[in-house]
Amino acid sequence: MATRLRVAPLSGDGSVVSTETLTHPAPAVPAAAAVPAPAPGAAPSAAPSASSVTESDRGSKPARGPVRWKQFLMTASVIWILQTTVSTALRPLVGDWPTVLRSGAVIVPVVFLMVYVVMPRLTRALSGWLHRRR
């Protein structure tokens, strides 16, 4: 017996890239991950994560992530720029604080900006370069 699943792969920022309906033999997908496809005209429901579909279910190789050295270069550059900017901007406010508190006052905004503001946008902007292989 076959099971029909709606699969919604997620991008790096958590948004749905696209959806596709796949037909799987019942044993290929664990029962906990199997979600029946909605009836035609019905509102879509939460789809299983992309990790619940195996490589053989997709019919092709899984998407490969960026080359590690490119990730490193991009991340190190952004952290360097953000850390320098934030620590310079906060120096008048936290300059005489103990080192642990001063570091925390810089690290928290840097990590927030990295995770929610800069990296999602920069990853999208540089996706062609990040995923290009020789």
C-alpha atoms as a PDB file:
ATOM      1  CA  MET A   1       0.000   0.000   0.000  1.00  0.00           C
ATOM      2  CA  ALA A   2       1.392   3.439  -0.935  1.00  0.00           C
ATOM      3  CA  THR A   3       1.284   6.558   1.222  1.00  0.00           C
ATOM      4  CA  ARG A   4       0.941  10.029  -0.317  1.00  0.00           C
ATOM      5  CA  LEU A   5       2.815  12.822   1.445  1.00  0.00           C
ATOM      6  CA  ARG A   6       3.045  16.569   0.918  1.00  0.00           C
ATOM      7  CA  VAL A   7       6.619  17.637   1.500  1.00  0.00           C
ATOM      8  CA  ALA A   8       7.671  21.222   2.142  1.00  0.00           C
ATOM      9  CA  PRO A   9      11.450  21.692   2.227  1.00  0.00           C
ATOM     10  CA  LEU A  10      12.544  24.658   4.339  1.00  0.00           C
ATOM     11  CA  SER A  11      15.081  27.307   3.403  1.00  0.00           C
ATOM     12  CA  GLY A  12      17.707  28.564   5.818  1.00  0.00           C
ATOM     13  CA  ASP A  13      15.322  31.181   7.223  1.00  0.00           C
ATOM     14  CA  GLY A  14      12.559  28.620   7.863  1.00  0.00           C
ATOM     15  CA  SER A  15      10.258  29.597   5.014  1.00  0.00           C
ATOM     16  CA  VAL A  16       8.830  27.002   2.635  1.00  0.00           C
ATOM     17  CA  VAL A  17      10.800  26.810  -0.623  1.00  0.00           C
ATOM     18  CA  SER A  18       8.283  24.711  -2.558  1.00  0.00           C
ATOM     19  CA  THR A  19       5.929  21.826  -2.009  1.00  0.00           C
ATOM     20  CA  GLU A  20       5.675  18.549  -3.831  1.00  0.00           C
ATOM     21  CA  THR A  21       3.556  15.467  -3.413  1.00  0.00           C
ATOM     22  CA  LEU A  22       5.449  12.203  -3.282  1.00  0.00           C
ATOM     23  CA  THR A  23       4.192   8.640  -3.323  1.00  0.00           C
ATOM     24  CA  HIS A  24       6.108   6.305  -1.038  1.00  0.00           C
ATOM     25  CA  PRO A  25       5.893   2.619  -0.268  1.00  0.00           C
ATOM     26  CA  ALA A  26       4.529   2.391   3.274  1.00  0.00           C
ATOM     27  CA  PRO A  27       7.715   0.946   4.906  1.00  0.00           C
ATOM     28  CA  ALA A  28       9.950   3.743   3.491  1.00  0.00           C
ATOM     29  CA  VAL A  29       8.484   6.409   5.805  1.00  0.00           C
ATOM     30  CA  PRO A  30       8.078   5.917   9.549  1.00  0.00           C
ATOM     31  CA  ALA A  31       4.434   6.025  10.623  1.00  0.00           C
ATOM     32  CA  ALA A  32       5.092   9.018  12.889  1.00  0.00           C
ATOM     33  CA  ALA A  33       6.302  11.090   9.905  1.00  0.00           C
ATOM     34  CA  ALA A  34       3.516  10.066   7.511  1.00  0.00           C
ATOM     35  CA  VAL A  35       0.879  12.732   6.981  1.00  0.00           C
ATOM     36  CA  PRO A  36      -1.867  12.087   4.445  1.00  0.00           C
ATOM     37  CA  ALA A  37      -2.094  14.583   1.591  1.00  0.00           C
ATOM     38  CA  PRO A  38      -5.033  16.989   1.948  1.00  0.00           C
ATOM     39  CA  ALA A  39      -8.146  16.369  -0.084  1.00  0.00           C
ATOM     40  CA  PRO A  40      -8.443  18.477  -3.251  1.00  0.00           C
ATOM     41  CA  GLY A  41      -9.732  21.922  -2.320  1.00  0.00           C
ATOM     42  CA  ALA A  42      -8.974  21.450   1.386  1.00  0.00           C
ATOM     43  CA  ALA A  43      -6.747  23.847   3.271  1.00  0.00           C
ATOM     44  CA  PRO A  44      -3.129  22.647   3.452  1.00  0.00           C
ATOM     45  CA  SER A  45      -2.000  21.295   6.799  1.00  0.00           C
ATOM     46  CA  ALA A  46       1.437  21.170   8.350  1.00  0.00           C
ATOM     47  CA  ALA A  47       3.748  19.144   6.152  1.00  0.00           C
ATOM     48  CA  PRO A  48       6.415  16.776   7.488  1.00  0.00           C
ATOM     49  CA  SER A  49       9.908  18.168   7.639  1.00  0.00           C
ATOM     50  CA  ALA A  50      12.236  17.583   4.719  1.00  0.00           C
ATOM     51  CA  SER A  51      14.314  15.303   6.950  1.00  0.00           C
ATOM     52  CA  SER A  52      11.449  12.778   7.144  1.00  0.00           C
ATOM     53  CA  VAL A  53      11.853  11.971   3.456  1.00  0.00           C
ATOM     54  CA  THR A  54      14.823   9.783   2.642  1.00  0.00           C
ATOM     55  CA  GLU A  55      17.226  10.313  -0.231  1.00  0.00           C
ATOM     56  CA  SER A  56      15.779   7.404  -2.200  1.00  0.00           C
ATOM     57  CA  ASP A  57      12.264   8.862  -1.764  1.00  0.00           C
ATOM     58  CA  ARG A  58      13.243  12.072  -3.507  1.00  0.00           C
ATOM     59  CA  GLY A  59      14.487  10.246  -6.564  1.00  0.00           C
ATOM     60  CA  SER A  60      17.636  12.384  -6.698  1.00  0.00           C
ATOM     61  CA  LYS A  61      20.620  13.332  -4.601  1.00  0.00           C
ATOM     62  CA  PRO A  62      19.940  15.603  -1.612  1.00  0.00           C
ATOM     63  CA  ALA A  63      20.830  19.256  -2.034  1.00  0.00           C
ATOM     64  CA  ARG A  64      24.432  19.835  -1.079  1.00  0.00           C
ATOM     65  CA  GLY A  65      25.253  22.686   1.251  1.00  0.00           C
ATOM     66  CA  PRO A  66      27.839  25.351   0.569  1.00  0.00           C
ATOM     67  CA  VAL A  67      31.537  24.549   0.571  1.00  0.00           C
ATOM     68  CA  ARG A  68      32.883  24.861   4.120  1.00  0.00           C
ATOM     69  CA  TRP A  69      35.623  27.401   3.315  1.00  0.00           C
ATOM     70  CA  LYS A  70      33.043  29.724   1.763  1.00  0.00           C
ATOM     71  CA  GLN A  71      30.829  29.436   4.841  1.00  0.00           C
ATOM     72  CA  PHE A  72      33.843  30.131   7.039  1.00  0.00           C
ATOM     73  CA  LEU A  73      34.940  33.147   5.005  1.00  0.00           C
ATOM     74  CA  MET A  74      31.464  34.680   4.964  1.00  0.00           C
ATOM     75  CA  THR A  75      30.770  34.033   8.666  1.00  0.00           C
ATOM     76  CA  ALA A  76      34.184  35.226   9.884  1.00  0.00           C
ATOM     77  CA  SER A  77      33.913  38.403   7.803  1.00  0.00           C
ATOM     78  CA  VAL A  78      30.472  39.248   9.134  1.00  0.00           C
ATOM     79  CA  ILE A  79      31.405  38.504  12.765  1.00  0.00           C
ATOM     80  CA  TRP A  80      34.544  40.636  12.452  1.00  0.00           C
ATOM     81  CA  ILE A  81      32.618  43.605  11.032  1.00  0.00           C
ATOM     82  CA  LEU A  82      29.707  43.311  13.495  1.00  0.00           C
ATOM     83  CA  GLN A  83      31.934  42.800  16.540  1.00  0.00           C
ATOM     84  CA  THR A  84      34.080  45.802  15.654  1.00  0.00           C
ATOM     85  CA  THR A  85      31.053  48.002  14.959  1.00  0.00           C
ATOM     86  CA  VAL A  86      29.043  46.975  18.034  1.00  0.00           C
ATOM     87  CA  SER A  87      31.989  47.132  20.456  1.00  0.00           C
ATOM     88  CA  THR A  88      32.954  50.583  19.137  1.00  0.00           C
ATOM     89  CA  ALA A  89      29.363  51.827  19.416  1.00  0.00           C
ATOM     90  CA  LEU A  90      28.936  50.463  22.963  1.00  0.00           C
ATOM     91  CA  ARG A  91      32.368  51.519  24.295  1.00  0.00           C
ATOM     92  CA  PRO A  92      31.102  54.815  25.795  1.00  0.00           C
ATOM     93  CA  LEU A  93      28.313  52.938  27.627  1.00  0.00           C
ATOM     94  CA  VAL A  94      30.156  49.827  28.835  1.00  0.00           C
ATOM     95  CA  GLY A  95      33.819  50.867  28.739  1.00  0.00           C
ATOM     96  CA  ASP A  96      34.347  50.656  32.506  1.00  0.00           C
ATOM     97  CA  TRP A  97      32.207  47.539  33.114  1.00  0.00           C
ATOM     98  CA  PRO A  98      33.886  44.272  34.182  1.00  0.00           C
ATOM     99  CA  THR A  99      35.169  42.236  31.228  1.00  0.00           C
ATOM    100  CA  VAL A 100      32.502  39.512  31.504  1.00  0.00           C
ATOM    101  CA  LEU A 101      29.622  42.023  31.428  1.00  0.00           C
ATOM    102  CA  ARG A 102      31.270  44.106  28.703  1.00  0.00           C
ATOM    103  CA  SER A 103      31.746  40.966  26.560  1.00  0.00           C
ATOM    104  CA  GLY A 104      28.123  39.941  27.094  1.00  0.00           C
ATOM    105  CA  ALA A 105      26.920  43.417  26.144  1.00  0.00           C
ATOM    106  CA  VAL A 106      28.723  43.025  22.810  1.00  0.00           C
ATOM    107  CA  ILE A 107      28.098  39.325  22.150  1.00  0.00           C
ATOM    108  CA  VAL A 108      24.310  39.398  22.599  1.00  0.00           C
ATOM    109  CA  PRO A 109      23.618  42.051  19.916  1.00  0.00           C
ATOM    110  CA  VAL A 110      26.229  40.544  17.579  1.00  0.00           C
ATOM    111  CA  VAL A 111      24.641  37.078  17.753  1.00  0.00           C
ATOM    112  CA  PHE A 112      21.131  38.532  17.374  1.00  0.00           C
ATOM    113  CA  LEU A 113      22.175  40.489  14.273  1.00  0.00           C
ATOM    114  CA  MET A 114      24.021  37.478  12.846  1.00  0.00           C
ATOM    115  CA  VAL A 115      21.128  35.030  13.267  1.00  0.00           C
ATOM    116  CA  TYR A 116      18.114  37.192  12.476  1.00  0.00           C
ATOM    117  CA  VAL A 117      19.301  40.074  10.296  1.00  0.00           C
ATOM    118  CA  VAL A 118      22.614  39.747   8.490  1.00  0.00           C
ATOM    119  CA  MET A 119      23.195  36.055   7.737  1.00  0.00           C
ATOM    120  CA  PRO A 120      19.769  35.221   6.234  1.00  0.00           C
ATOM    121  CA  ARG A 121      20.040  38.186   3.862  1.00  0.00           C
ATOM    122  CA  LEU A 122      23.705  37.646   3.049  1.00  0.00           C
ATOM    123  CA  THR A 123      23.195  33.914   2.482  1.00  0.00           C
ATOM    124  CA  ARG A 124      20.394  34.660   0.003  1.00  0.00           C
ATOM    125  CA  ALA A 125      22.425  37.404  -1.701  1.00  0.00           C
ATOM    126  CA  LEU A 126      25.516  35.184  -2.048  1.00  0.00           C
ATOM    127  CA  SER A 127      23.723  31.869  -2.694  1.00  0.00           C
ATOM    128  CA  GLY A 128      25.064  31.621  -6.249  1.00  0.00           C
ATOM    129  CA  TRP A 129      28.637  31.971  -5.041  1.00  0.00           C
ATOM    130  CA  LEU A 130      28.137  29.814  -1.934  1.00  0.00           C
ATOM    131  CA  HIS A 131      26.689  26.849  -3.834  1.00  0.00           C
ATOM    132  CA  ARG A 132      28.840  27.085  -6.966  1.00  0.00           C
ATOM    133  CA  ARG A 133      31.291  24.224  -7.232  1.00  0.00           C
ATOM    134  CA  ARG A 134      34.308  23.989  -9.516  1.00  0.00           C
END
